[in-house]
């Protein structure tokens, strides 16, 4: 393993603390510390003081103070600031890539080519979108009045982001909120705060006013729940597990907040018998192993029509076995570690229990040798599990793909829909009508055809069913972060309206 000591470029700056409030870094006041651990080596790379409820209150107060000025800025002014922000991110791209790989264990080629460019593109997209925050055109719908719709910012947004894509999730929370004129307090996962802090710091460097973006890094039970329940927070946006999402919803609804939830997933990968088998095999390996499988849209359940089933299993297992697991900073590494040893052990538990009712075709173990100190787990393919088994129904969040056969198209689509989740899915077929049916009938917020995973800033991301509600990215995200106001002008200048007779007097 490479020595990571020199890679964390912001180490000296972040010595001031892991809270970013009113434009400056500061230390938490909980009296407890937490370490960021490189999951590839088990080494601590950054230790910081956790946020307390006092720090959350300070961040919310800073956001509330900044709200009148930021919400009162013109769309053009907010757009210009976001364009400058995108430029700063582009200049510091390598710093962000290195920090993200260090805290998450992602291969550097993934952070350089996916996480960081995607975040820069998101920022540029919302810079443009800020100028197109529009309501419905004016119209005389009653005959005597002119109506129009205003879209107004909500206020202070309190958001909670997960550890699997710390930089991208911070961007997905922050960018539409501030483009719409809101201010925000973001709580990143305590495991991975580095790039969220750098993101806020870059915003200040770009000239976004102090207090518009604030970061509090603390535990969910203390800082997170206090943020969600804070009386001065008008909206909560949460990305994470469905179980924690339910708790967030309980707190948010008790204070009548706007709520946006992006929760778990168990994406089906449906391969019809006319599919391009090589394309499907490549797509299954890439779609299941991205980010070491720690992706809520990752392919987790491959349903393969019986004529292709055995060949799909054999080819997918062979390709998985060729994936290079290793040091995230090595140029030839394909797959890094899981986020922690606890997560590695959780994934291993699913696979070990599945041995009693299914076939582990490849993988199913933690690598030894030079990798034994890290949270690594081999790419794993499981076949022949029952549809109602744990490994098919539960979200594993690791480099594990389970493959099941189906006979008819009706059965394949029914199996794809047979979990509580509905975040993403894919259908593989050369028949446009067959694929079209799958896109209509699979209940998921995104359905790919002959691919699995790509996302773009212009299109929305969000789920059905237990995967939550609301959209990240795209112009649709403004529906989450704006209030709709109907404005109605009387055009008659008549003092006594005809409808008044329904309340007092008689018709004139």
Protein backbone atom coordinates (compact mmCIF):
# COMPACT_ATOMS: atom_id res chain seq x y z
CA UNK A 1 0.00 0.00 0.00
CA UNK A 2 1.13 3.52 -0.75
CA UNK A 3 1.78 5.81 2.19
CA UNK A 4 -1.24 8.14 2.22
CA UNK A 5 0.25 10.80 4.46
CA UNK A 6 1.03 13.31 1.72
CA UNK A 7 -2.27 12.92 -0.13
CA UNK A 8 -4.54 14.90 2.18
CA UNK A 9 -3.74 18.37 0.88
CA UNK A 10 -6.20 20.18 3.16
CA UNK A 11 -4.88 18.63 6.38
CA UNK A 12 -3.48 21.91 7.72
CA UNK A 13 -6.55 23.98 6.82
CA UNK A 14 -8.97 21.50 8.37
CA UNK A 15 -7.00 21.55 11.60
CA UNK A 16 -9.31 24.46 12.47
CA UNK A 17 -12.19 21.99 12.75
CA UNK A 18 -14.84 20.03 10.85
CA UNK A 19 -17.66 22.54 11.22
CA UNK A 20 -18.11 25.20 8.54
CA UNK A 21 -20.35 27.95 9.89
CA UNK A 22 -20.81 31.47 8.52
CA UNK A 23 -17.89 31.13 6.13
CA UNK A 24 -15.22 29.73 8.42
CA UNK A 25 -13.99 26.45 9.82
CA UNK A 26 -14.46 25.92 13.53
CA UNK A 27 -14.21 23.11 16.05
CA UNK A 28 -17.20 21.19 17.36
CA UNK A 29 -18.31 21.63 20.95
CA UNK A 30 -19.64 18.17 21.84
CA UNK A 31 -16.49 17.26 23.78
CA UNK A 32 -16.12 14.10 21.68
CA UNK A 33 -13.75 13.39 18.82
CA UNK A 34 -14.11 11.21 15.76
CA UNK A 35 -11.56 9.86 13.31
CA UNK A 36 -11.72 9.64 9.54
CA UNK A 37 -10.18 6.28 8.66
CA UNK A 38 -8.70 5.24 5.34
CA UNK A 39 -10.63 1.96 4.79
CA UNK A 40 -7.88 0.58 2.54
CA UNK A 41 -5.35 0.56 5.38
CA UNK A 42 -7.26 1.09 8.62
CA UNK A 43 -5.14 4.19 9.34
CA UNK A 44 -6.59 7.34 10.87
CA UNK A 45 -6.10 10.29 8.52
CA UNK A 46 -8.02 13.06 10.30
CA UNK A 47 -9.40 13.49 13.80
CA UNK A 48 -11.91 16.19 14.64
CA UNK A 49 -14.33 17.38 17.29
CA UNK A 50 -17.96 16.36 16.67
CA UNK A 51 -20.74 18.91 16.48
CA UNK A 52 -23.16 19.37 19.36
CA UNK A 53 -26.66 20.81 19.27
CA UNK A 54 -25.03 24.18 20.05
CA UNK A 55 -23.11 24.00 16.78
CA UNK A 56 -26.28 23.08 14.88
CA UNK A 57 -28.04 26.09 16.40
CA UNK A 58 -25.14 28.33 15.32
CA UNK A 59 -25.20 26.98 11.77
CA UNK A 60 -28.97 27.41 11.48
CA UNK A 61 -28.68 30.95 12.84
CA UNK A 62 -26.00 31.74 10.25
CA UNK A 63 -28.18 30.33 7.46
CA UNK A 64 -31.19 32.25 8.70
CA UNK A 65 -29.20 35.50 8.80
CA UNK A 66 -27.92 34.94 5.25
CA UNK A 67 -31.34 34.07 3.83
CA UNK A 68 -32.76 37.58 3.19
CA UNK A 69 -29.75 38.70 1.20
CA UNK A 70 -29.31 35.49 -0.78
CA UNK A 71 -33.01 35.00 -1.52
CA UNK A 72 -33.20 38.65 -2.55
CA UNK A 73 -30.36 38.32 -5.05
CA UNK A 74 -31.42 38.21 -8.68
CA UNK A 75 -31.37 34.90 -10.52
CA UNK A 76 -28.51 36.29 -12.57
CA UNK A 77 -26.47 37.10 -9.47
CA UNK A 78 -26.98 33.61 -8.05
CA UNK A 79 -26.15 32.14 -11.46
CA UNK A 80 -22.91 34.11 -11.69
CA UNK A 81 -21.87 32.95 -8.22
CA UNK A 82 -22.51 29.32 -9.14
CA UNK A 83 -20.54 29.68 -12.37
CA UNK A 84 -17.59 30.97 -10.30
CA UNK A 85 -18.12 28.06 -7.93
CA UNK A 86 -17.88 25.56 -10.81
CA UNK A 87 -14.64 27.21 -11.94
CA UNK A 88 -13.09 26.91 -8.45
CA UNK A 89 -14.09 23.25 -8.27
CA UNK A 90 -12.49 22.60 -11.65
CA UNK A 91 -9.25 24.26 -10.51
CA UNK A 92 -9.18 22.11 -7.37
CA UNK A 93 -10.41 18.89 -9.00
CA UNK A 94 -7.37 16.79 -8.13
CA UNK A 95 -7.48 17.85 -4.48
CA UNK A 96 -11.11 16.76 -4.29
CA UNK A 97 -10.39 13.45 -6.03
CA UNK A 98 -7.53 12.60 -3.68
CA UNK A 99 -9.53 13.49 -0.55
CA UNK A 100 -12.56 11.50 -1.70
CA UNK A 101 -10.46 8.43 -2.45
CA UNK A 102 -8.67 8.71 0.87
CA UNK A 103 -11.77 8.89 3.07
CA UNK A 104 -13.93 6.44 1.08
CA UNK A 105 -11.45 3.97 -0.38
CA UNK A 106 -12.69 4.66 -3.91
CA UNK A 107 -10.23 3.94 -6.71
CA UNK A 108 -8.67 7.20 -7.81
CA UNK A 109 -9.82 6.59 -11.38
CA UNK A 110 -13.44 6.60 -10.12
CA UNK A 111 -13.13 9.86 -8.20
CA UNK A 112 -11.21 11.53 -11.04
CA UNK A 113 -13.56 10.37 -13.79
CA UNK A 114 -16.95 10.12 -12.05
CA UNK A 115 -17.37 11.76 -8.64
CA UNK A 116 -15.49 15.01 -9.21
CA UNK A 117 -16.42 15.70 -12.88
CA UNK A 118 -20.03 14.88 -12.08
CA UNK A 119 -20.04 17.38 -9.24
CA UNK A 120 -18.50 20.11 -11.39
CA UNK A 121 -21.10 19.43 -14.08
CA UNK A 122 -23.91 19.59 -11.51
CA UNK A 123 -22.63 22.96 -10.34
CA UNK A 124 -22.50 24.30 -13.90
CA UNK A 125 -25.98 22.94 -14.58
CA UNK A 126 -27.53 24.68 -11.58
CA UNK A 127 -25.68 27.88 -12.46
CA UNK A 128 -27.70 27.90 -15.68
CA UNK A 129 -30.89 26.60 -14.09
CA UNK A 130 -30.90 29.45 -11.56
CA UNK A 131 -31.93 31.79 -14.38
CA UNK A 132 -34.91 29.61 -15.33
CA UNK A 133 -36.75 29.41 -12.04
CA UNK A 134 -40.15 30.37 -13.41
CA UNK A 135 -43.82 30.09 -12.58
CA UNK A 136 -46.81 29.81 -14.87
CA UNK A 137 -47.47 32.65 -17.29
CA UNK A 138 -50.15 35.22 -16.46
CA UNK A 139 -53.72 34.50 -17.52
CA UNK A 140 -57.29 35.68 -16.92
CA UNK A 141 -58.69 32.37 -15.77
CA UNK A 142 -61.74 33.77 -13.95
CA UNK A 143 -62.40 36.47 -16.54
CA UNK A 144 -62.17 39.26 -13.96
CA UNK A 145 -58.72 38.57 -12.56
CA UNK A 146 -55.17 38.09 -13.73
CA UNK A 147 -53.38 35.15 -12.11
CA UNK A 148 -49.78 34.15 -12.10
CA UNK A 149 -47.56 31.82 -10.10
CA UNK A 150 -44.45 32.77 -8.17
CA UNK A 151 -41.80 30.26 -7.16
CA UNK A 152 -40.19 31.40 -3.94
CA UNK A 153 -37.41 29.92 -1.79
CA UNK A 154 -38.53 28.05 1.29
CA UNK A 155 -35.96 29.30 3.82
CA UNK A 156 -33.31 27.37 5.70
CA UNK A 157 -32.87 23.81 4.46
CA UNK A 158 -31.46 21.14 6.78
CA UNK A 159 -29.95 18.27 4.82
CA UNK A 160 -28.30 14.99 5.75
CA UNK A 161 -25.99 13.22 3.29
CA UNK A 162 -24.58 9.66 3.31
CA UNK A 163 -21.04 8.28 3.22
CA UNK A 164 -21.09 6.44 -0.10
CA UNK A 165 -20.81 9.52 -2.37
CA UNK A 166 -19.91 12.32 0.06
CA UNK A 167 -18.99 14.93 -2.54
CA UNK A 168 -21.76 14.21 -5.02
CA UNK A 169 -24.43 13.94 -2.33
CA UNK A 170 -23.32 17.23 -0.81
CA UNK A 171 -23.68 18.81 -4.24
CA UNK A 172 -27.06 17.21 -4.89
CA UNK A 173 -28.34 18.67 -1.61
CA UNK A 174 -26.70 22.08 -1.73
CA UNK A 175 -26.88 23.15 -5.37
CA UNK A 176 -30.63 23.13 -6.13
CA UNK A 177 -31.34 24.58 -2.70
CA UNK A 178 -29.08 27.60 -3.09
CA UNK A 179 -29.83 28.05 -6.82
CA UNK A 180 -33.47 28.51 -5.78
CA UNK A 181 -32.48 31.13 -3.18
CA UNK A 182 -32.47 29.05 -0.02
CA UNK A 183 -29.68 28.77 2.50
CA UNK A 184 -28.57 25.40 3.85
CA UNK A 185 -27.08 23.48 6.76
CA UNK A 186 -25.69 20.12 5.65
CA UNK A 187 -24.73 17.30 7.96
CA UNK A 188 -22.38 14.91 6.15
CA UNK A 189 -21.75 11.41 7.45
CA UNK A 190 -19.26 11.54 10.28
CA UNK A 191 -17.18 8.90 8.48
CA UNK A 192 -16.59 11.08 5.41
CA UNK A 193 -16.76 14.84 6.06
CA UNK A 194 -13.65 15.93 4.16
CA UNK A 195 -15.01 16.76 0.72
CA UNK A 196 -18.19 18.34 2.09
CA UNK A 197 -16.00 20.75 4.05
CA UNK A 198 -13.82 21.42 1.00
CA UNK A 199 -16.98 21.99 -1.06
CA UNK A 200 -18.22 24.67 1.35
CA UNK A 201 -14.77 26.23 1.49
CA UNK A 202 -14.67 26.39 -2.34
CA UNK A 203 -18.07 28.11 -2.34
CA UNK A 204 -16.70 30.84 -0.11
CA UNK A 205 -13.66 31.16 -2.35
CA UNK A 206 -16.05 31.65 -5.28
CA UNK A 207 -17.79 34.54 -3.52
CA UNK A 208 -20.95 32.84 -2.27
CA UNK A 209 -21.87 34.83 0.86
CA UNK A 210 -21.06 33.58 4.35
CA UNK A 211 -23.89 31.59 5.88
CA UNK A 212 -25.43 30.45 2.61
CA UNK A 213 -23.69 27.05 2.93
CA UNK A 214 -22.95 25.63 6.38
CA UNK A 215 -21.61 22.21 7.38
CA UNK A 216 -22.07 20.53 10.76
CA UNK A 217 -20.28 17.23 11.26
CA UNK A 218 -21.77 15.24 14.08
CA UNK A 219 -23.62 12.09 15.00
CA UNK A 220 -27.07 11.39 13.63
CA UNK A 221 -28.73 10.93 17.01
CA UNK A 222 -27.46 14.28 18.25
CA UNK A 223 -26.63 16.71 15.45
CA UNK A 224 -28.79 15.08 12.77
CA UNK A 225 -32.00 14.78 14.75
CA UNK A 226 -31.58 18.27 16.20
CA UNK A 227 -31.15 19.68 12.69
CA UNK A 228 -34.23 17.89 11.36
CA UNK A 229 -36.37 19.02 14.29
CA UNK A 230 -35.04 22.58 14.46
CA UNK A 231 -37.90 25.12 14.44
CA UNK A 232 -36.00 27.48 12.11
CA UNK A 233 -35.41 24.78 9.49
CA UNK A 234 -38.17 24.90 6.89
CA UNK A 235 -37.25 21.80 4.89
CA UNK A 236 -35.39 18.53 5.40
CA UNK A 237 -33.67 16.55 2.67
CA UNK A 238 -32.24 13.17 3.58
CA UNK A 239 -30.37 10.48 1.65
CA UNK A 240 -29.68 7.20 3.39
CA UNK A 241 -31.27 3.96 4.48
CA UNK A 242 -35.02 3.44 4.51
CA UNK A 243 -34.92 2.63 8.23
CA UNK A 244 -33.26 5.94 9.14
CA UNK A 245 -35.46 7.74 6.60
CA UNK A 246 -38.52 6.66 8.58
CA UNK A 247 -37.05 8.24 11.70
CA UNK A 248 -36.24 11.45 9.80
CA UNK A 249 -39.82 11.53 8.51
CA UNK A 250 -41.23 11.17 12.03
CA UNK A 251 -39.23 14.15 13.27
CA UNK A 252 -39.80 16.32 10.20
CA UNK A 253 -43.54 15.76 9.99
CA UNK A 254 -43.97 16.50 13.70
CA UNK A 255 -42.75 20.04 12.92
CA UNK A 256 -44.62 20.27 9.57
CA UNK A 257 -41.52 20.59 7.39
CA UNK A 258 -41.16 20.06 3.66
CA UNK A 259 -39.59 16.62 3.32
CA UNK A 260 -37.48 15.02 0.60
CA UNK A 261 -36.26 11.43 0.99
CA UNK A 262 -33.90 9.40 -1.21
CA UNK A 263 -33.68 6.02 0.46
CA UNK A 264 -32.58 2.46 -0.19
CA UNK A 265 -32.62 0.47 -3.39
CA UNK A 266 -32.44 -3.08 -4.69
CA UNK A 267 -32.16 -2.51 -8.41
CA UNK A 268 -33.28 -5.31 -10.77
CA UNK A 269 -31.30 -6.06 -13.93
CA UNK A 270 -33.69 -7.85 -16.32
CA UNK A 271 -32.09 -9.73 -19.21
CA UNK A 272 -34.51 -10.96 -21.88
CA UNK A 273 -33.58 -13.86 -24.12
CA UNK A 274 -32.95 -11.64 -27.17
CA UNK A 275 -30.43 -9.43 -25.31
CA UNK A 276 -26.85 -8.88 -26.41
CA UNK A 277 -25.29 -11.28 -23.90
CA UNK A 278 -21.81 -9.71 -23.96
CA UNK A 279 -23.27 -6.28 -23.34
CA UNK A 280 -25.42 -7.59 -20.50
CA UNK A 281 -22.48 -9.36 -18.83
CA UNK A 282 -20.30 -6.26 -19.02
CA UNK A 283 -23.16 -4.11 -17.79
CA UNK A 284 -23.91 -6.44 -14.88
CA UNK A 285 -20.32 -6.45 -13.62
CA UNK A 286 -19.91 -2.69 -13.96
CA UNK A 287 -23.38 -1.95 -12.62
CA UNK A 288 -23.01 -4.18 -9.57
CA UNK A 289 -19.44 -3.28 -8.62
CA UNK A 290 -19.45 0.51 -9.03
CA UNK A 291 -18.25 2.11 -5.80
CA UNK A 292 -17.68 -1.43 -4.45
CA UNK A 293 -21.42 -1.95 -4.73
CA UNK A 294 -22.11 0.84 -2.25
CA UNK A 295 -24.58 2.56 -4.56
CA UNK A 296 -28.34 2.60 -4.04
CA UNK A 297 -28.85 2.26 -7.80
CA UNK A 298 -26.29 -0.55 -8.25
CA UNK A 299 -27.45 -3.70 -10.03
CA UNK A 300 -28.15 -6.18 -7.25
CA UNK A 301 -30.70 -8.66 -8.68
CA UNK A 302 -30.07 -10.01 -12.19
CA UNK A 303 -33.09 -11.79 -13.62
CA UNK A 304 -32.05 -13.68 -16.74
CA UNK A 305 -34.45 -15.46 -19.08
CA UNK A 306 -33.76 -19.17 -18.93
CA UNK A 307 -32.19 -19.68 -22.42
CA UNK A 308 -29.37 -17.28 -21.45
CA UNK A 309 -29.17 -18.06 -17.73
CA UNK A 310 -26.30 -20.56 -17.44
CA UNK A 311 -24.11 -18.75 -19.97
CA UNK A 312 -24.77 -15.41 -18.25
CA UNK A 313 -23.77 -16.89 -14.89
CA UNK A 314 -20.56 -18.41 -16.27
CA UNK A 315 -19.46 -15.30 -18.18
CA UNK A 316 -20.34 -12.90 -15.37
CA UNK A 317 -18.42 -15.00 -12.85
CA UNK A 318 -15.37 -15.08 -15.13
CA UNK A 319 -15.41 -11.32 -15.66
CA UNK A 320 -15.92 -10.65 -11.94
CA UNK A 321 -12.95 -12.87 -11.12
CA UNK A 322 -10.75 -10.70 -13.36
CA UNK A 323 -11.55 -7.46 -11.51
CA UNK A 324 -8.42 -6.12 -9.78
CA UNK A 325 -8.93 -5.43 -6.09
CA UNK A 326 -6.31 -3.27 -4.41
CA UNK A 327 -4.84 0.06 -3.33
CA UNK A 328 -7.26 2.84 -4.37
CA UNK A 329 -4.30 5.02 -5.36
CA UNK A 330 -2.70 2.43 -7.64
CA UNK A 331 -3.42 3.09 -11.34
CA UNK A 332 -4.35 -0.52 -12.10
CA UNK A 333 -6.89 -0.93 -9.26
CA UNK A 334 -10.49 -1.56 -10.30
CA UNK A 335 -12.14 -2.12 -6.93
CA UNK A 336 -11.33 -0.57 -3.59
CA UNK A 337 -12.45 -1.49 -0.09
CA UNK A 338 -15.83 -1.04 1.52
CA UNK A 339 -16.25 2.03 3.71
CA UNK A 340 -15.35 0.22 6.93
CA UNK A 341 -14.58 -3.15 8.43
CA UNK A 342 -18.05 -3.15 9.98
CA UNK A 343 -19.61 -2.75 6.54
CA UNK A 344 -17.31 -5.45 5.12
CA UNK A 345 -18.41 -7.83 7.87
CA UNK A 346 -22.07 -6.98 7.26
CA UNK A 347 -21.72 -7.82 3.55
CA UNK A 348 -19.86 -11.04 4.38
CA UNK A 349 -22.68 -12.02 6.71
CA UNK A 350 -25.24 -11.86 3.90
CA UNK A 351 -23.08 -14.07 1.68
CA UNK A 352 -22.22 -16.55 4.43
CA UNK A 353 -25.88 -17.00 5.33
CA UNK A 354 -26.75 -17.45 1.64
CA UNK A 355 -24.46 -20.49 1.40
CA UNK A 356 -27.19 -22.45 3.14
CA UNK A 357 -29.73 -21.89 0.38
CA UNK A 358 -27.87 -20.66 -2.73
CA UNK A 359 -24.67 -21.17 -4.74
CA UNK A 360 -21.72 -18.77 -4.35
CA UNK A 361 -20.24 -18.93 -7.84
CA UNK A 362 -17.26 -16.65 -7.34
CA UNK A 363 -15.87 -14.43 -4.58
CA UNK A 364 -17.48 -14.68 -1.18
CA UNK A 365 -14.38 -13.88 0.87
CA UNK A 366 -12.11 -11.10 2.03
CA UNK A 367 -8.71 -11.03 0.26
CA UNK A 368 -5.66 -11.87 2.32
CA UNK A 369 -1.99 -10.92 1.92
CA UNK A 370 -1.28 -7.23 1.44
CA UNK A 371 -5.00 -6.38 1.58
CA UNK A 372 -5.91 -8.09 4.84
CA UNK A 373 -5.66 -4.89 6.91
CA UNK A 374 -8.22 -3.10 4.75
CA UNK A 375 -12.00 -3.47 4.46
CA UNK A 376 -11.81 -5.36 1.17
CA UNK A 377 -14.24 -7.98 -0.12
CA UNK A 378 -13.98 -9.91 -3.36
CA UNK A 379 -16.52 -9.33 -6.16
CA UNK A 380 -19.17 -11.96 -5.49
CA UNK A 381 -21.76 -13.70 -7.64
CA UNK A 382 -24.55 -15.72 -6.02
CA UNK A 383 -26.90 -17.92 -8.07
CA UNK A 384 -30.03 -19.99 -7.55
CA UNK A 385 -31.39 -18.16 -4.50
CA UNK A 386 -35.14 -18.11 -3.90
CA UNK A 387 -37.00 -14.88 -4.63
CA UNK A 388 -38.10 -14.51 -1.01
CA UNK A 389 -34.61 -15.10 0.42
CA UNK A 390 -32.72 -12.49 2.38
CA UNK A 391 -30.02 -11.97 -0.22
CA UNK A 392 -32.64 -11.17 -2.88
CA UNK A 393 -34.87 -8.95 -0.76
CA UNK A 394 -32.50 -7.00 1.51
CA UNK A 395 -30.17 -4.16 0.56
CA UNK A 396 -26.61 -5.52 0.94
CA UNK A 397 -24.61 -2.44 -0.15
CA UNK A 398 -21.53 -4.33 -1.25
CA UNK A 399 -19.93 -5.98 -4.32
CA UNK A 400 -22.52 -8.76 -4.50
CA UNK A 401 -24.79 -9.68 -7.42
CA UNK A 402 -27.44 -12.39 -7.15
CA UNK A 403 -28.72 -14.05 -10.35
CA UNK A 404 -32.11 -15.75 -10.78
CA UNK A 405 -33.77 -17.28 -13.86
CA UNK A 406 -37.22 -16.51 -15.25
CA UNK A 407 -39.32 -18.00 -18.03
CA UNK A 408 -41.90 -15.52 -19.36
CA UNK A 409 -41.72 -11.76 -19.80
CA UNK A 410 -44.62 -11.42 -17.37
CA UNK A 411 -42.64 -13.33 -14.75
CA UNK A 412 -39.47 -11.31 -15.29
CA UNK A 413 -41.25 -7.99 -14.79
CA UNK A 414 -43.19 -9.30 -11.79
CA UNK A 415 -39.97 -10.47 -10.13
CA UNK A 416 -38.31 -7.11 -10.84
CA UNK A 417 -41.13 -5.38 -8.94
CA UNK A 418 -41.15 -7.88 -6.07
CA UNK A 419 -39.24 -5.95 -3.40
CA UNK A 420 -40.24 -2.95 -1.27
CA UNK A 421 -37.83 -0.72 -3.22
CA UNK A 422 -38.16 1.20 -6.48
CA UNK A 423 -35.18 3.44 -7.09
CA UNK A 424 -33.62 2.14 -10.32
CA UNK A 425 -33.74 -0.78 -12.74
CA UNK A 426 -32.55 -1.84 -16.18
CA UNK A 427 -33.95 -3.91 -19.03
CA UNK A 428 -31.80 -5.65 -21.63
CA UNK A 429 -33.37 -6.47 -25.01
CA UNK A 430 -32.94 -5.81 -28.75
CA UNK A 431 -36.74 -5.58 -29.13
CA UNK A 432 -37.92 -1.99 -28.75
CA UNK A 433 -41.45 -3.06 -27.84
CA UNK A 434 -40.25 -5.50 -25.20
CA UNK A 435 -37.94 -2.88 -23.72
CA UNK A 436 -40.68 -0.27 -23.90
CA UNK A 437 -43.02 -2.51 -21.92
CA UNK A 438 -40.36 -2.97 -19.25
CA UNK A 439 -39.84 0.78 -18.89
CA UNK A 440 -43.59 1.26 -18.42
CA UNK A 441 -44.22 -1.59 -16.02
CA UNK A 442 -41.14 -1.71 -13.80
CA UNK A 443 -41.87 0.50 -10.80
CA UNK A 444 -38.71 2.54 -10.36
CA UNK A 445 -37.67 6.16 -10.58
CA UNK A 446 -35.14 5.38 -13.33
CA UNK A 447 -35.22 2.54 -15.85
CA UNK A 448 -32.24 2.15 -18.17
CA UNK A 449 -32.40 0.17 -21.41
CA UNK A 450 -29.26 -1.77 -22.37
CA UNK A 451 -27.19 0.05 -19.77
CA UNK A 452 -27.13 0.47 -16.01
CA UNK A 453 -25.80 3.35 -13.82
CA UNK A 454 -25.23 6.47 -16.01
CA UNK A 455 -26.75 9.66 -14.60
CA UNK A 456 -26.88 13.16 -16.05
CA UNK A 457 -27.47 16.54 -14.46
CA UNK A 458 -30.40 17.35 -16.74
CA UNK A 459 -32.48 14.35 -15.64
CA UNK A 460 -34.07 13.66 -12.22
CA UNK A 461 -32.98 11.04 -9.70
CA UNK A 462 -35.43 9.69 -7.12
CA UNK A 463 -37.50 6.67 -6.23
CA UNK A 464 -40.81 4.92 -5.88
CA UNK A 465 -42.18 2.97 -2.91
CA UNK A 466 -39.77 2.47 0.01
CA UNK A 467 -37.02 4.20 -1.97
CA UNK A 468 -38.53 7.53 -0.99
CA UNK A 469 -39.94 10.52 -2.81
CA UNK A 470 -38.70 13.73 -4.37
CA UNK A 471 -36.06 14.35 -7.03
CA UNK A 472 -32.40 15.28 -6.99
CA UNK A 473 -30.68 16.94 -9.95
CA UNK A 474 -32.51 18.44 -12.96
CA UNK A 475 -35.02 21.27 -13.05
CA UNK A 476 -37.45 18.95 -11.26
CA UNK A 477 -35.43 19.39 -8.08
CA UNK A 478 -36.66 22.99 -7.90
CA UNK A 479 -40.08 21.55 -7.09
CA UNK A 480 -38.50 20.29 -3.86
CA UNK A 481 -36.80 23.55 -2.93
CA UNK A 482 -39.40 26.19 -3.82
CA UNK A 483 -42.79 27.23 -2.58
CA UNK A 484 -45.55 27.90 -5.09
CA UNK A 485 -47.55 31.08 -4.58
CA UNK A 486 -50.65 32.03 -6.53
CA UNK A 487 -51.00 35.80 -7.04
CA UNK A 488 -54.41 37.09 -8.24
CA UNK A 489 -55.20 40.68 -9.32
CA UNK A 490 -58.70 42.08 -9.67
CA UNK A 491 -59.07 43.75 -13.09
CA UNK A 492 -62.55 45.29 -12.71
CA UNK A 493 -62.11 48.14 -10.20
CA UNK A 494 -65.70 47.40 -9.12
CA UNK A 495 -66.29 47.87 -5.40
CA UNK A 496 -69.33 45.59 -5.08
CA UNK A 497 -68.55 42.30 -6.76
CA UNK A 498 -71.33 40.06 -7.98
CA UNK A 499 -70.16 37.20 -5.79
CA UNK A 500 -70.57 39.32 -2.65
CA UNK A 501 -74.33 38.61 -2.73
CA UNK A 502 -73.59 35.07 -1.58
CA UNK A 503 -72.40 36.62 1.69
CA UNK A 504 -74.62 39.70 2.11
CA UNK A 505 -77.45 41.49 0.32
CA UNK A 506 -79.26 40.63 -2.89
CA UNK A 507 -78.31 40.70 -6.53
CA UNK A 508 -78.37 44.37 -7.76
